[in-house]
Amino acid sequence: MNGPHTVIPFGGWTISREGVPQAPPDGYTMECRICKKDSGLRFDSEGACDWAATHVDQNPTHTAFHEALGRYWRAIRK
């Protein structure tokens, strides 16, 4: 797993997590694997999980979900 201080060298580039204060927060989405509906982009994992709990409550056979996590990275030429 890549932590906030991970640096990945690649060719003439260094790729690392976006570290500036104005960088967007991590984004989370939960998608129902049965009907493909999703939570939409949330900026906390709890919000995405809340959506999944509501969705399964309304659709009791929809018990499988996929979580997508979006993190912001930046490439800098060495």
Protein backbone atom coordinates (compact mmCIF):
# COMPACT_ATOMS: atom_id res chain seq x y z
CA MET A 1 0.00 0.00 0.00
CA ASN A 2 1.21 3.51 -0.76
CA GLY A 3 1.41 5.86 2.19
CA PRO A 4 1.41 9.66 2.11
CA HIS A 5 5.20 9.78 1.81
CA THR A 6 5.62 7.17 -0.94
CA VAL A 7 7.88 8.28 -3.78
CA ILE A 8 7.98 6.21 -6.95
CA PRO A 9 10.91 6.89 -9.30
CA PHE A 10 10.14 6.14 -12.95
CA GLY A 11 12.49 7.04 -15.76
CA GLY A 12 13.19 10.75 -15.46
CA TRP A 13 10.21 11.33 -13.16
CA THR A 14 9.37 11.10 -9.49
CA ILE A 15 5.72 10.40 -8.69
CA SER A 16 4.42 11.11 -5.19
CA ARG A 17 1.22 11.95 -3.37
CA GLU A 18 0.09 15.53 -3.86
CA GLY A 19 1.34 17.40 -0.82
CA VAL A 20 0.21 20.99 -1.26
CA PRO A 21 -2.40 22.27 1.21
CA GLN A 22 -4.90 23.10 -1.56
CA ALA A 23 -4.82 19.53 -2.94
CA PRO A 24 -8.25 17.92 -3.00
CA PRO A 25 -8.95 15.38 -0.27
CA ASP A 26 -9.04 11.67 -1.10
CA GLY A 27 -12.28 10.64 -2.78
CA TYR A 28 -14.34 7.51 -2.13
CA THR A 29 -17.07 5.78 -4.13
CA MET A 30 -19.02 2.62 -3.34
CA GLU A 31 -20.58 0.77 -6.26
CA CYS A 32 -23.22 -1.95 -6.02
CA ARG A 33 -21.89 -4.95 -7.94
CA ILE A 34 -25.46 -6.14 -8.63
CA CYS A 35 -27.07 -3.07 -10.23
CA LYS A 36 -23.97 -0.85 -10.78
CA LYS A 37 -25.50 2.14 -8.96
CA ASP A 38 -22.94 4.08 -6.94
CA SER A 39 -22.64 6.53 -4.09
CA GLY A 40 -21.09 9.26 -6.19
CA LEU A 41 -17.86 10.87 -5.07
CA ARG A 42 -17.62 11.33 -1.31
CA PHE A 43 -14.73 12.88 0.56
CA ASP A 44 -14.93 10.47 3.48
CA SER A 45 -15.23 6.70 3.45
CA GLU A 46 -18.02 6.85 6.02
CA GLY A 47 -20.29 8.70 3.59
CA ALA A 48 -19.74 6.07 0.92
CA CYS A 49 -20.41 3.27 3.42
CA ASP A 50 -23.57 5.04 4.62
CA TRP A 51 -24.81 5.05 1.04
CA ALA A 52 -24.08 1.30 0.73
CA ALA A 53 -25.97 0.57 3.98
CA THR A 54 -29.00 2.53 2.74
CA HIS A 55 -28.81 0.83 -0.66
CA VAL A 56 -28.74 -2.71 0.78
CA ASP A 57 -31.55 -1.79 3.19
CA GLN A 58 -33.69 -0.78 0.19
CA ASN A 59 -32.45 -3.72 -1.96
CA PRO A 60 -31.83 -6.72 0.34
CA THR A 61 -30.38 -8.91 -2.42
CA HIS A 62 -27.75 -6.28 -3.31
CA THR A 63 -25.06 -7.37 -0.86
CA ALA A 64 -21.87 -7.01 -2.93
CA PHE A 65 -20.04 -3.69 -3.29
CA HIS A 66 -16.84 -2.36 -4.80
CA GLU A 67 -14.98 0.53 -3.17
CA ALA A 68 -12.98 2.91 -5.36
CA LEU A 69 -10.49 5.25 -3.74
CA GLY A 70 -9.12 8.25 -5.59
CA ARG A 71 -5.89 9.82 -4.36
CA TYR A 72 -4.15 12.76 -5.97
CA TRP A 73 -0.56 12.29 -7.14
CA ARG A 74 1.93 14.55 -8.88
CA ALA A 75 4.76 13.77 -11.30
CA ILE A 76 7.90 15.89 -11.07
CA ARG A 77 10.78 15.68 -13.51
CA LYS A 78 14.01 14.72 -11.74
